[in-house]
C-alpha atoms as a PDB file:
ATOM      1  CA  MET A   1      -0.020   0.034  -0.023  1.00  0.00           C
ATOM      2  CA  ASP A   2       1.585   3.278  -1.122  1.00  0.00           C
ATOM      3  CA  GLU A   3      -0.633   5.728   0.579  1.00  0.00           C
ATOM      4  CA  PRO A   4      -1.016   6.011   4.432  1.00  0.00           C
ATOM      5  CA  LEU A   5      -4.404   5.103   5.893  1.00  0.00           C
ATOM      6  CA  GLN A   6      -4.589   8.475   7.554  1.00  0.00           C
ATOM      7  CA  THR A   7      -2.455  11.560   7.856  1.00  0.00           C
ATOM      8  CA  MET A   8      -2.562  13.991  10.836  1.00  0.00           C
ATOM      9  CA  THR A   9      -0.845  17.438  10.966  1.00  0.00           C
ATOM     10  CA  ALA A  10       0.389  19.132  14.120  1.00  0.00           C
ATOM     11  CA  GLY A  11       2.167  22.464  14.051  1.00  0.00           C
ATOM     12  CA  ALA A  12       5.136  22.822  16.407  1.00  0.00           C
ATOM     13  CA  ASP A  13       8.452  24.769  16.464  1.00  0.00           C
ATOM     14  CA  PHE A  14      10.380  21.740  17.459  1.00  0.00           C
ATOM     15  CA  ARG A  15      10.458  18.001  16.867  1.00  0.00           C
ATOM     16  CA  PRO A  16       7.396  16.973  18.823  1.00  0.00           C
ATOM     17  CA  ASN A  17       7.161  13.999  21.248  1.00  0.00           C
ATOM     18  CA  CYS A  18       4.285  11.554  20.474  1.00  0.00           C
ATOM     19  CA  TYR A  19       2.770   9.154  22.951  1.00  0.00           C
ATOM     20  CA  THR A  20       0.222   6.351  22.886  1.00  0.00           C
ATOM     21  CA  ILE A  21      -2.497   6.690  25.601  1.00  0.00           C
ATOM     22  CA  ASP A  22      -6.107   5.878  26.243  1.00  0.00           C
ATOM     23  CA  ALA A  23      -7.396   9.396  26.686  1.00  0.00           C
ATOM     24  CA  ASN A  24     -11.148   8.685  26.725  1.00  0.00           C
ATOM     25  CA  PHE A  25     -10.888   5.494  28.785  1.00  0.00           C
ATOM     26  CA  ASP A  26     -12.604   3.221  26.242  1.00  0.00           C
ATOM     27  CA  GLY A  27      -9.870   0.670  25.873  1.00  0.00           C
ATOM     28  CA  TYR A  28      -8.733   1.771  22.410  1.00  0.00           C
ATOM     29  CA  GLY A  29      -5.316   3.299  21.876  1.00  0.00           C
ATOM     30  CA  ASP A  30      -5.212   7.053  21.210  1.00  0.00           C
ATOM     31  CA  PHE A  31      -2.180   9.256  20.734  1.00  0.00           C
ATOM     32  CA  THR A  32      -0.896  12.714  21.628  1.00  0.00           C
ATOM     33  CA  CYS A  33       1.729  15.014  20.081  1.00  0.00           C
ATOM     34  CA  THR A  34       3.319  17.853  22.105  1.00  0.00           C
ATOM     35  CA  TYR A  35       3.047  21.122  20.270  1.00  0.00           C
ATOM     36  CA  ILE A  36       4.083  23.624  23.059  1.00  0.00           C
ATOM     37  CA  GLN A  37       6.938  22.859  25.493  1.00  0.00           C
ATOM     38  CA  GLY A  38       7.827  25.256  28.298  1.00  0.00           C
ATOM     39  CA  ASN A  39       9.826  25.098  31.541  1.00  0.00           C
ATOM     40  CA  GLN A  40       6.874  24.225  33.703  1.00  0.00           C
ATOM     41  CA  VAL A  41       4.028  23.503  31.178  1.00  0.00           C
ATOM     42  CA  TYR A  42       3.420  21.711  27.979  1.00  0.00           C
ATOM     43  CA  TYR A  43       0.401  21.236  25.694  1.00  0.00           C
ATOM     44  CA  ASP A  44      -0.530  18.300  23.462  1.00  0.00           C
ATOM     45  CA  HIS A  45      -2.707  17.668  20.513  1.00  0.00           C
ATOM     46  CA  LEU A  46      -4.944  14.647  20.900  1.00  0.00           C
ATOM     47  CA  TRP A  47      -6.409  12.182  18.436  1.00  0.00           C
ATOM     48  CA  ILE A  48      -8.724   9.529  19.732  1.00  0.00           C
ATOM     49  CA  TRP A  49      -9.663   6.319  17.911  1.00  0.00           C
ATOM     50  CA  ASN A  50     -13.192   6.182  16.554  1.00  0.00           C
ATOM     51  CA  GLU A  51     -14.012   2.483  16.256  1.00  0.00           C
ATOM     52  CA  GLY A  52     -17.193   3.158  14.308  1.00  0.00           C
ATOM     53  CA  HIS A  53     -15.403   5.226  11.655  1.00  0.00           C
ATOM     54  CA  SER A  54     -12.146   3.314  11.891  1.00  0.00           C
ATOM     55  CA  ARG A  55     -10.072   6.433  12.049  1.00  0.00           C
ATOM     56  CA  PHE A  56      -8.477   8.808  14.483  1.00  0.00           C
ATOM     57  CA  GLU A  57     -10.272  12.072  15.279  1.00  0.00           C
ATOM     58  CA  GLY A  58      -8.839  15.257  16.718  1.00  0.00           C
ATOM     59  CA  VAL A  59     -10.080  16.709  20.051  1.00  0.00           C
ATOM     60  CA  PRO A  60      -9.483  20.474  19.954  1.00  0.00           C
ATOM     61  CA  GLU A  61     -10.540  20.914  23.649  1.00  0.00           C
ATOM     62  CA  TYR A  62      -7.557  18.794  24.786  1.00  0.00           C
ATOM     63  CA  ASP A  63      -5.184  21.372  23.138  1.00  0.00           C
ATOM     64  CA  GLU A  64      -6.042  23.844  25.926  1.00  0.00           C
ATOM     65  CA  ILE A  65      -5.190  21.493  28.887  1.00  0.00           C
ATOM     66  CA  SER A  66      -1.841  22.396  30.400  1.00  0.00           C
ATOM     67  CA  VAL A  67       0.223  19.399  31.613  1.00  0.00           C
ATOM     68  CA  PRO A  68      -2.637  16.873  31.171  1.00  0.00           C
ATOM     69  CA  ASP A  69      -2.694  14.066  33.786  1.00  0.00           C
ATOM     70  CA  LEU A  70      -5.097  11.148  33.186  1.00  0.00           C
ATOM     71  CA  ASP A  71      -6.807   9.366  36.088  1.00  0.00           C
ATOM     72  CA  GLU A  72      -8.284   6.042  35.075  1.00  0.00           C
ATOM     73  CA  GLU A  73     -10.160   5.529  38.313  1.00  0.00           C
ATOM     74  CA  THR A  74     -12.197   8.800  38.233  1.00  0.00           C
ATOM     75  CA  LYS A  75     -12.118   9.115  34.388  1.00  0.00           C
ATOM     76  CA  THR A  76     -10.756  12.598  34.814  1.00  0.00           C
ATOM     77  CA  ILE A  77      -8.071  14.523  32.961  1.00  0.00           C
ATOM     78  CA  TYR A  78      -6.382  16.959  35.346  1.00  0.00           C
ATOM     79  CA  GLY A  79      -4.657  20.146  34.090  1.00  0.00           C
ATOM     80  CA  PHE A  80      -2.481  22.734  35.804  1.00  0.00           C
ATOM     81  CA  THR A  81      -1.131  26.096  34.739  1.00  0.00           C
ATOM     82  CA  PRO A  82       1.216  27.444  37.383  1.00  0.00           C
ATOM     83  CA  SER A  83       1.372  31.138  38.164  1.00  0.00           C
ATOM     84  CA  SER A  84       4.160  30.906  40.784  1.00  0.00           C
ATOM     85  CA  GLY A  85       5.694  28.468  43.158  1.00  0.00           C
ATOM     86  CA  GLY A  86       3.829  26.722  45.971  1.00  0.00           C
ATOM     87  CA  GLY A  87       0.943  25.266  43.843  1.00  0.00           C
ATOM     88  CA  THR A  88      -0.665  28.513  42.926  1.00  0.00           C
ATOM     89  CA  GLY A  89      -2.257  28.651  39.513  1.00  0.00           C
ATOM     90  CA  LEU A  90      -5.163  27.277  37.541  1.00  0.00           C
ATOM     91  CA  HIS A  91      -6.323  23.722  38.147  1.00  0.00           C
ATOM     92  CA  THR A  92      -8.767  22.221  35.599  1.00  0.00           C
ATOM     93  CA  PHE A  93     -10.789  19.067  35.606  1.00  0.00           C
ATOM     94  CA  HIS A  94     -12.120  17.551  32.342  1.00  0.00           C
ATOM     95  CA  GLN A  95     -14.353  14.584  31.779  1.00  0.00           C
ATOM     96  CA  TRP A  96     -16.003  12.905  28.797  1.00  0.00           C
ATOM     97  CA  ASP A  97     -19.768  13.243  28.328  1.00  0.00           C
ATOM     98  CA  SER A  98     -21.406  11.575  25.392  1.00  0.00           C
ATOM     99  CA  GLY A  99     -18.117  11.629  23.458  1.00  0.00           C
ATOM    100  CA  ASN A 100     -17.434  15.296  24.216  1.00  0.00           C
ATOM    101  CA  LEU A 101     -14.543  16.453  26.457  1.00  0.00           C
ATOM    102  CA  LEU A 102     -15.936  19.042  28.886  1.00  0.00           C
ATOM    103  CA  CYS A 103     -14.361  21.142  31.543  1.00  0.00           C
ATOM    104  CA  MET A 104     -16.292  20.157  34.659  1.00  0.00           C
ATOM    105  CA  ARG A 105     -14.609  22.430  37.083  1.00  0.00           C
ATOM    106  CA  GLN A 106     -11.590  24.878  37.354  1.00  0.00           C
ATOM    107  CA  ILE A 107      -9.998  26.207  40.454  1.00  0.00           C
ATOM    108  CA  GLU A 108      -7.616  29.174  40.502  1.00  0.00           C
ATOM    109  CA  ILE A 109      -5.319  29.282  43.645  1.00  0.00           C
ATOM    110  CA  TYR A 110      -4.138  32.865  44.158  1.00  0.00           C
ATOM    111  CA  HIS A 111      -0.862  34.058  45.694  1.00  0.00           C
ATOM    112  CA  VAL A 112      -1.366  34.905  49.296  1.00  0.00           C
ATOM    113  CA  GLY A 113       2.252  34.929  50.397  1.00  0.00           C
ATOM    114  CA  ASN A 114       2.000  38.225  52.149  1.00  0.00           C
ATOM    115  CA  TRP A 115      -0.659  36.784  54.491  1.00  0.00           C
ATOM    116  CA  GLY A 116       2.069  34.666  56.203  1.00  0.00           C
ATOM    117  CA  TYR A 117       0.768  31.346  55.005  1.00  0.00           C
ATOM    118  CA  GLN A 118       2.174  28.630  52.754  1.00  0.00           C
ATOM    119  CA  VAL A 119      -0.196  27.645  49.923  1.00  0.00           C
ATOM    120  CA  SER A 120      -0.765  24.078  48.730  1.00  0.00           C
ATOM    121  CA  ALA A 121      -3.566  21.803  47.710  1.00  0.00           C
ATOM    122  CA  VAL A 122      -4.826  18.303  48.368  1.00  0.00           C
ATOM    123  CA  MET A 123      -5.682  16.712  45.055  1.00  0.00           C
ATOM    124  CA  PRO A 124      -8.111  13.812  44.748  1.00  0.00           C
ATOM    125  CA  ASP A 125      -5.590  11.683  42.733  1.00  0.00           C
ATOM    126  CA  GLU A 126      -2.533  12.289  44.923  1.00  0.00           C
ATOM    127  CA  GLU A 127      -2.327  10.930  48.393  1.00  0.00           C
ATOM    128  CA  PRO A 128      -0.503  13.468  50.615  1.00  0.00           C
ATOM    129  CA  GLU A 129       2.475  12.405  52.591  1.00  0.00           C
ATOM    130  CA  ASP A 130       1.383  14.757  55.431  1.00  0.00           C
ATOM    131  CA  GLU A 131      -0.552  12.732  57.931  1.00  0.00           C
ATOM    132  CA  ALA A 132      -2.565  15.812  59.026  1.00  0.00           C
ATOM    133  CA  LEU A 133      -4.092  15.943  55.513  1.00  0.00           C
ATOM    134  CA  GLN A 134      -5.192  12.315  55.272  1.00  0.00           C
ATOM    135  CA  TYR A 135      -8.794  13.192  56.465  1.00  0.00           C
ATOM    136  CA  TYR A 136      -9.317  15.426  53.431  1.00  0.00           C
ATOM    137  CA  TYR A 137      -7.816  12.967  51.030  1.00  0.00           C
ATOM    138  CA  ARG A 138     -10.063  10.175  52.310  1.00  0.00           C
ATOM    139  CA  ASN A 139     -13.338  12.256  52.596  1.00  0.00           C
ATOM    140  CA  TYR A 140     -13.188  14.833  49.743  1.00  0.00           C
ATOM    141  CA  TYR A 141     -13.323  14.016  46.038  1.00  0.00           C
ATOM    142  CA  GLN A 142     -12.450  17.548  44.915  1.00  0.00           C
ATOM    143  CA  PRO A 143      -9.320  19.722  45.385  1.00  0.00           C
ATOM    144  CA  VAL A 144      -8.861  21.198  48.797  1.00  0.00           C
ATOM    145  CA  LEU A 145      -6.971  24.450  49.260  1.00  0.00           C
ATOM    146  CA  VAL A 146      -4.588  24.441  52.196  1.00  0.00           C
ATOM    147  CA  LEU A 147      -3.090  27.434  54.010  1.00  0.00           C
ATOM    148  CA  THR A 148      -0.363  26.528  56.416  1.00  0.00           C
ATOM    149  CA  ASP A 149       0.583  28.970  59.171  1.00  0.00           C
ATOM    150  CA  ALA A 150       4.034  29.487  60.799  1.00  0.00           C
ATOM    151  CA  GLU A 151       3.312  26.820  63.481  1.00  0.00           C
ATOM    152  CA  GLY A 152       2.308  24.188  60.863  1.00  0.00           C
ATOM    153  CA  GLY A 153      -1.367  24.478  61.508  1.00  0.00           C
ATOM    154  CA  LYS A 154      -3.370  23.911  58.302  1.00  0.00           C
ATOM    155  CA  TYR A 155      -6.595  25.633  57.309  1.00  0.00           C
ATOM    156  CA  CYS A 156      -8.469  23.741  54.641  1.00  0.00           C
ATOM    157  CA  PHE A 157     -10.960  25.104  52.113  1.00  0.00           C
ATOM    158  CA  CYS A 158     -13.302  23.309  49.600  1.00  0.00           C
ATOM    159  CA  TYR A 159     -16.789  24.472  50.289  1.00  0.00           C
ATOM    160  CA  GLY A 160     -15.743  27.565  52.180  1.00  0.00           C
ATOM    161  CA  PHE A 161     -13.698  26.892  55.311  1.00  0.00           C
ATOM    162  CA  ASP A 162     -13.807  23.163  55.963  1.00  0.00           C
ATOM    163  CA  GLY A 163     -11.475  22.631  58.869  1.00  0.00           C
ATOM    164  CA  TYR A 164      -8.285  22.992  60.723  1.00  0.00           C
ATOM    165  CA  THR A 165      -5.698  20.308  61.378  1.00  0.00           C
ATOM    166  CA  SER A 166      -2.327  20.092  63.068  1.00  0.00           C
ATOM    167  CA  VAL A 167       0.266  17.689  64.416  1.00  0.00           C
ATOM    168  CA  VAL A 168       2.468  18.834  67.298  1.00  0.00           C
ATOM    169  CA  SER A 169       5.112  16.938  69.385  1.00  0.00           C
ATOM    170  CA  TYR A 170       6.450  17.974  72.723  1.00  0.00           C
ATOM    171  CA  THR A 171       8.190  16.494  75.781  1.00  0.00           C
ATOM    172  CA  SER A 172       6.263  16.140  79.035  1.00  0.00           C
ATOM    173  CA  ILE A 173       6.874  14.940  82.564  1.00  0.00           C
ATOM    174  CA  ILE A 174       4.434  12.291  83.751  1.00  0.00           C
ATOM    175  CA  GLU A 175       3.957  10.418  87.052  1.00  0.00           C
ATOM    176  CA  ARG A 176       4.159   6.637  86.889  1.00  0.00           C
ATOM    177  CA  THR A 177       2.145   4.397  89.113  1.00  0.00           C
ATOM    178  CA  SER A 178       5.256   3.762  91.125  1.00  0.00           C
ATOM    179  CA  GLY A 179       5.240   7.464  92.116  1.00  0.00           C
ATOM    180  CA  GLU A 180       8.275   8.211  90.008  1.00  0.00           C
ATOM    181  CA  TYR A 181       8.366  10.872  87.346  1.00  0.00           C
ATOM    182  CA  GLU A 182       9.434  10.248  83.775  1.00  0.00           C
ATOM    183  CA  GLU A 183      10.029  12.397  80.756  1.00  0.00           C
ATOM    184  CA  VAL A 184       8.150  11.289  77.625  1.00  0.00           C
ATOM    185  CA  LEU A 185       7.575  12.407  74.052  1.00  0.00           C
ATOM    186  CA  LYS A 186       3.949  13.188  73.269  1.00  0.00           C
ATOM    187  CA  THR A 187       2.615  13.684  69.647  1.00  0.00           C
ATOM    188  CA  VAL A 188      -0.921  15.114  69.222  1.00  0.00           C
ATOM    189  CA  ARG A 189      -2.892  15.293  66.045  1.00  0.00           C
ATOM    190  CA  LEU A 190      -5.907  17.575  66.064  1.00  0.00           C
ATOM    191  CA  GLU A 191      -8.735  17.499  63.468  1.00  0.00           C
ATOM    192  CA  LEU A 192     -11.423  20.161  63.528  1.00  0.00           C
ATOM    193  CA  ALA A 193     -13.834  19.723  60.566  1.00  0.00           C
ATOM    194  CA  LYS A 194     -17.335  20.609  59.435  1.00  0.00           C
ATOM    195  CA  ARG A 195     -19.794  17.756  59.807  1.00  0.00           C
ATOM    196  CA  ASN A 196     -21.729  18.843  56.671  1.00  0.00           C
ATOM    197  CA  ARG A 197     -19.166  19.141  53.989  1.00  0.00           C
ATOM    198  CA  ASN A 198     -21.748  20.483  51.482  1.00  0.00           C
ATOM    199  CA  GLN A 199     -22.723  23.400  53.584  1.00  0.00           C
ATOM    200  CA  ALA A 200     -20.957  26.661  54.145  1.00  0.00           C
ATOM    201  CA  PRO A 201     -19.670  27.112  57.793  1.00  0.00           C
ATOM    202  CA  PHE A 202     -21.804  29.044  60.202  1.00  0.00           C
ATOM    203  CA  GLU A 203     -20.785  32.506  61.140  1.00  0.00           C
ATOM    204  CA  GLU A 204     -23.267  31.854  63.996  1.00  0.00           C
ATOM    205  CA  ASN A 205     -25.128  28.566  64.582  1.00  0.00           C
ATOM    206  CA  LEU A 206     -28.732  29.474  65.197  1.00  0.00           C
ATOM    207  CA  ASN A 207     -29.969  25.835  65.485  1.00  0.00           C
ATOM    208  CA  GLU A 208     -31.753  24.755  68.635  1.00  0.00           C
ATOM    209  CA  VAL A 209     -29.611  23.255  71.374  1.00  0.00           C
ATOM    210  CA  GLY A 210     -29.917  19.519  71.448  1.00  0.00           C
ATOM    211  CA  VAL A 211     -30.634  18.883  67.779  1.00  0.00           C
ATOM    212  CA  SER A 212     -27.977  17.304  65.605  1.00  0.00           C
ATOM    213  CA  GLU A 213     -27.393  20.444  63.514  1.00  0.00           C
ATOM    214  CA  TYR A 214     -26.434  22.441  66.610  1.00  0.00           C
ATOM    215  CA  TYR A 215     -23.252  20.322  66.898  1.00  0.00           C
ATOM    216  CA  ASP A 216     -21.806  21.287  63.545  1.00  0.00           C
ATOM    217  CA  ILE A 217     -18.108  20.661  64.089  1.00  0.00           C
ATOM    218  CA  LEU A 218     -16.371  17.291  64.487  1.00  0.00           C
ATOM    219  CA  VAL A 219     -13.269  17.365  66.671  1.00  0.00           C
ATOM    220  CA  GLU A 220     -10.897  14.460  66.716  1.00  0.00           C
ATOM    221  CA  LEU A 221      -7.763  14.007  68.860  1.00  0.00           C
ATOM    222  CA  ASN A 222      -5.112  11.401  68.337  1.00  0.00           C
ATOM    223  CA  ALA A 223      -2.427  11.235  71.017  1.00  0.00           C
ATOM    224  CA  LYS A 224       0.618   9.026  71.248  1.00  0.00           C
ATOM    225  CA  THR A 225       2.982   8.945  74.282  1.00  0.00           C
ATOM    226  CA  ILE A 226       6.405   7.325  73.944  1.00  0.00           C
ATOM    227  CA  SER A 227       9.018   6.700  76.566  1.00  0.00           C
ATOM    228  CA  ILE A 228      12.528   6.597  75.105  1.00  0.00           C
ATOM    229  CA  ASP A 229      15.735   5.643  76.827  1.00  0.00           C
ATOM    230  CA  GLY A 230      19.080   5.489  75.082  1.00  0.00           C
ATOM    231  CA  GLY A 231      17.468   5.866  71.632  1.00  0.00           C
ATOM    232  CA  LYS A 232      15.119   2.816  72.257  1.00  0.00           C
ATOM    233  CA  THR A 233      11.399   2.874  72.830  1.00  0.00           C
ATOM    234  CA  ILE A 234      10.656   1.511  76.361  1.00  0.00           C
ATOM    235  CA  TRP A 235       6.828   1.764  76.106  1.00  0.00           C
ATOM    236  CA  ASP A 236       4.228   3.673  74.200  1.00  0.00           C
ATOM    237  CA  LYS A 237       0.510   4.414  74.621  1.00  0.00           C
ATOM    238  CA  SER A 238      -2.052   5.700  72.117  1.00  0.00           C
ATOM    239  CA  GLY A 239      -5.485   7.271  72.505  1.00  0.00           C
ATOM    240  CA  PHE A 240      -8.236   8.449  70.206  1.00  0.00           C
ATOM    241  CA  TRP A 241     -11.133  10.607  71.192  1.00  0.00           C
ATOM    242  CA  CYS A 242     -13.807  12.462  69.147  1.00  0.00           C
ATOM    243  CA  THR A 243     -17.000  14.372  69.699  1.00  0.00           C
ATOM    244  CA  ASN A 244     -19.122  17.033  68.020  1.00  0.00           C
ATOM    245  CA  TYR A 245     -19.151  20.721  69.246  1.00  0.00           C
ATOM    246  CA  CYS A 246     -21.273  23.744  68.553  1.00  0.00           C
ATOM    247  CA  SER A 247     -19.072  26.225  66.683  1.00  0.00           C
ATOM    248  CA  ASN A 248     -20.459  29.124  68.782  1.00  0.00           C
ATOM    249  CA  ASN A 249     -18.481  28.118  71.842  1.00  0.00           C
ATOM    250  CA  PHE A 250     -16.839  24.696  71.602  1.00  0.00           C
ATOM    251  CA  VAL A 251     -18.276  24.005  75.034  1.00  0.00           C
ATOM    252  CA  ASP A 252     -21.686  22.374  74.134  1.00  0.00           C
ATOM    253  CA  CYS A 253     -20.884  18.899  72.743  1.00  0.00           C
ATOM    254  CA  MET A 254     -22.667  15.728  71.759  1.00  0.00           C
ATOM    255  CA  ARG A 255     -21.202  12.588  70.315  1.00  0.00           C
ATOM    256  CA  PHE A 256     -23.217  10.656  67.697  1.00  0.00           C
ATOM    257  CA  GLY A 257     -22.269   6.983  67.275  1.00  0.00           C
ATOM    258  CA  ILE A 258     -23.994   3.916  65.983  1.00  0.00           C
ATOM    259  CA  GLY A 259     -25.137   1.615  68.784  1.00  0.00           C
ATOM    260  CA  GLU A 260     -23.682   3.731  71.650  1.00  0.00           C
ATOM    261  CA  VAL A 261     -25.299   2.980  74.893  1.00  0.00           C
ATOM    262  CA  ASP A 262     -23.994   6.000  76.798  1.00  0.00           C
ATOM    263  CA  THR A 263     -23.808   8.757  74.211  1.00  0.00           C
ATOM    264  CA  GLU A 264     -23.627  11.579  76.777  1.00  0.00           C
ATOM    265  CA  GLY A 265     -21.113   9.870  78.891  1.00  0.00           C
ATOM    266  CA  ASN A 266     -18.863   9.025  75.952  1.00  0.00           C
ATOM    267  CA  SER A 267     -19.176  12.636  74.763  1.00  0.00           C
ATOM    268  CA  GLN A 268     -18.152  13.998  78.160  1.00  0.00           C
ATOM    269  CA  ALA A 269     -15.168  11.584  78.344  1.00  0.00           C
ATOM    270  CA  ALA A 270     -14.009  12.632  74.842  1.00  0.00           C
ATOM    271  CA  ASP A 271     -14.473  16.387  75.785  1.00  0.00           C
ATOM    272  CA  ARG A 272     -12.363  15.890  78.884  1.00  0.00           C
ATOM    273  CA  HIS A 273      -9.465  14.308  77.027  1.00  0.00           C
ATOM    274  CA  ILE A 274      -9.585  16.915  74.137  1.00  0.00           C
ATOM    275  CA  LYS A 275      -9.695  19.826  76.627  1.00  0.00           C
ATOM    276  CA  GLN A 276      -6.475  18.502  78.313  1.00  0.00           C
ATOM    277  CA  GLU A 277      -4.791  19.462  75.117  1.00  0.00           C
ATOM    278  CA  TYR A 278      -6.871  22.363  73.715  1.00  0.00           C
ATOM    279  CA  SER A 279      -9.141  24.754  75.593  1.00  0.00           C
ATOM    280  CA  ALA A 280     -12.533  25.782  74.226  1.00  0.00           C
ATOM    281  CA  GLU A 281     -10.994  29.267  73.601  1.00  0.00           C
ATOM    282  CA  GLN A 282      -8.221  27.741  71.471  1.00  0.00           C
ATOM    283  CA  LEU A 283     -10.657  25.664  69.426  1.00  0.00           C
ATOM    284  CA  LEU A 284     -12.880  28.668  68.936  1.00  0.00           C
ATOM    285  CA  ALA A 285      -9.823  30.750  67.823  1.00  0.00           C
ATOM    286  CA  PHE A 286      -8.928  28.089  65.190  1.00  0.00           C
ATOM    287  CA  TYR A 287     -12.524  28.171  63.877  1.00  0.00           C
ATOM    288  CA  GLN A 288     -12.762  31.967  63.775  1.00  0.00           C
ATOM    289  CA  GLN A 289      -9.436  32.327  62.023  1.00  0.00           C
ATOM    290  CA  GLY A 290     -10.697  29.886  59.344  1.00  0.00           C
ATOM    291  CA  LEU A 291     -13.755  31.996  58.832  1.00  0.00           C
ATOM    292  CA  ASP A 292     -11.580  35.156  58.542  1.00  0.00           C
ATOM    293  CA  LEU A 293      -9.337  33.468  55.956  1.00  0.00           C
ATOM    294  CA  GLN A 294     -12.465  32.287  54.065  1.00  0.00           C
ATOM    295  CA  ASN A 295     -13.736  35.905  53.895  1.00  0.00           C
ATOM    296  CA  ARG A 296     -10.373  37.265  52.793  1.00  0.00           C
ATOM    297  CA  LEU A 297     -10.208  34.634  50.038  1.00  0.00           C
ATOM    298  CA  ILE A 298     -13.689  35.612  48.841  1.00  0.00           C
ATOM    299  CA  GLU A 299     -12.649  39.315  48.754  1.00  0.00           C
ATOM    300  CA  LEU A 300      -9.398  38.417  46.889  1.00  0.00           C
ATOM    301  CA  TYR A 301     -11.505  36.394  44.357  1.00  0.00           C
ATOM    302  CA  LYS A 302     -13.867  39.356  43.864  1.00  0.00           C
ATOM    303  CA  ARG A 303     -11.055  41.848  43.353  1.00  0.00           C
ATOM    304  CA  ARG A 304      -9.309  39.640  40.881  1.00  0.00           C
ATOM    305  CA  HIS A 305     -12.462  39.211  38.804  1.00  0.00           C
ATOM    306  CA  GLU A 306     -13.371  42.854  38.974  1.00  0.00           C
ATOM    307  CA  ILE A 307      -9.973  43.725  37.653  1.00  0.00           C
ATOM    308  CA  SER A 308     -10.284  41.007  34.873  1.00  0.00           C
ATOM    309  CA  HIS A 309     -13.716  42.341  33.920  1.00  0.00           C
ATOM    310  CA  SER A 310     -12.448  45.936  33.853  1.00  0.00           C
ATOM    311  CA  SER A 311      -9.518  44.988  31.598  1.00  0.00           C
ATOM    312  CA  THR A 312     -11.786  43.212  29.275  1.00  0.00           C
ATOM    313  CA  GLU A 313     -14.087  46.129  28.988  1.00  0.00           C
ATOM    314  CA  THR A 314     -11.071  48.496  28.405  1.00  0.00           C
ATOM    315  CA  GLY A 315      -9.638  46.181  25.695  1.00  0.00           C
ATOM    316  CA  SER A 316     -12.991  46.029  23.879  1.00  0.00           C
END
């Protein structure tokens, strides 16, 4: 056969790299060809195999996805256009619908370096190494913006302010049953999170005391105490406690568990252990700081889009 079965043309200023992939997750081989290559980004042309027509067909929408990353499990094509270091930039999420590649969501993470926080994100396809962020990786199927303060505390945002998490370690002196005192290393992980992940956080919880909605914040505490002598662990002890608080005060609490006989007693026990590490005032301060950051992010978003809209009108 002298003539090729099909010819595709891709413009590029360099010798492009071509790869075989399954871009629409249908089991047939497709292929891409890089046409823009930068230091941090690249863009590909995509041709998918149409079994009914027995030929490859171009997908122009794919051309606009920066650094495309395919996730077979969620059938999602992730894209990212960085604006600076630290994960800031535009995150895009494309999926196929009736043969069409559609942008289902996009998130722009702005630079907030002058706020005194490090900016990062928990992505649904990347398990974080940080233990403090495992809750958001396990329970959220959308990107979560994370602002980390100077002490390592992390404020997390998906549907508004979603929660605060931290891991701290410190040495402590404890009294043993023998009456002797011993220095130990204690590591405490705190999780403060909205119970309803699809609802904006309350500026003030106006629900009636005693109903489930009144206790809108889940607080979990993991504590591990280790006795070390000469670089070796002599003994260790772990504990886990959780209950639900009202975000108005972090005093009123009620634990909700399946099959619990003594719900009130369990809640009081959890509250007692949690308050040994964090006071109600400290928990309330974390929550209110999260609300403040949420409002600052909203204002930043509005200003950015007002500037963008003004520039568009000027240009037109």
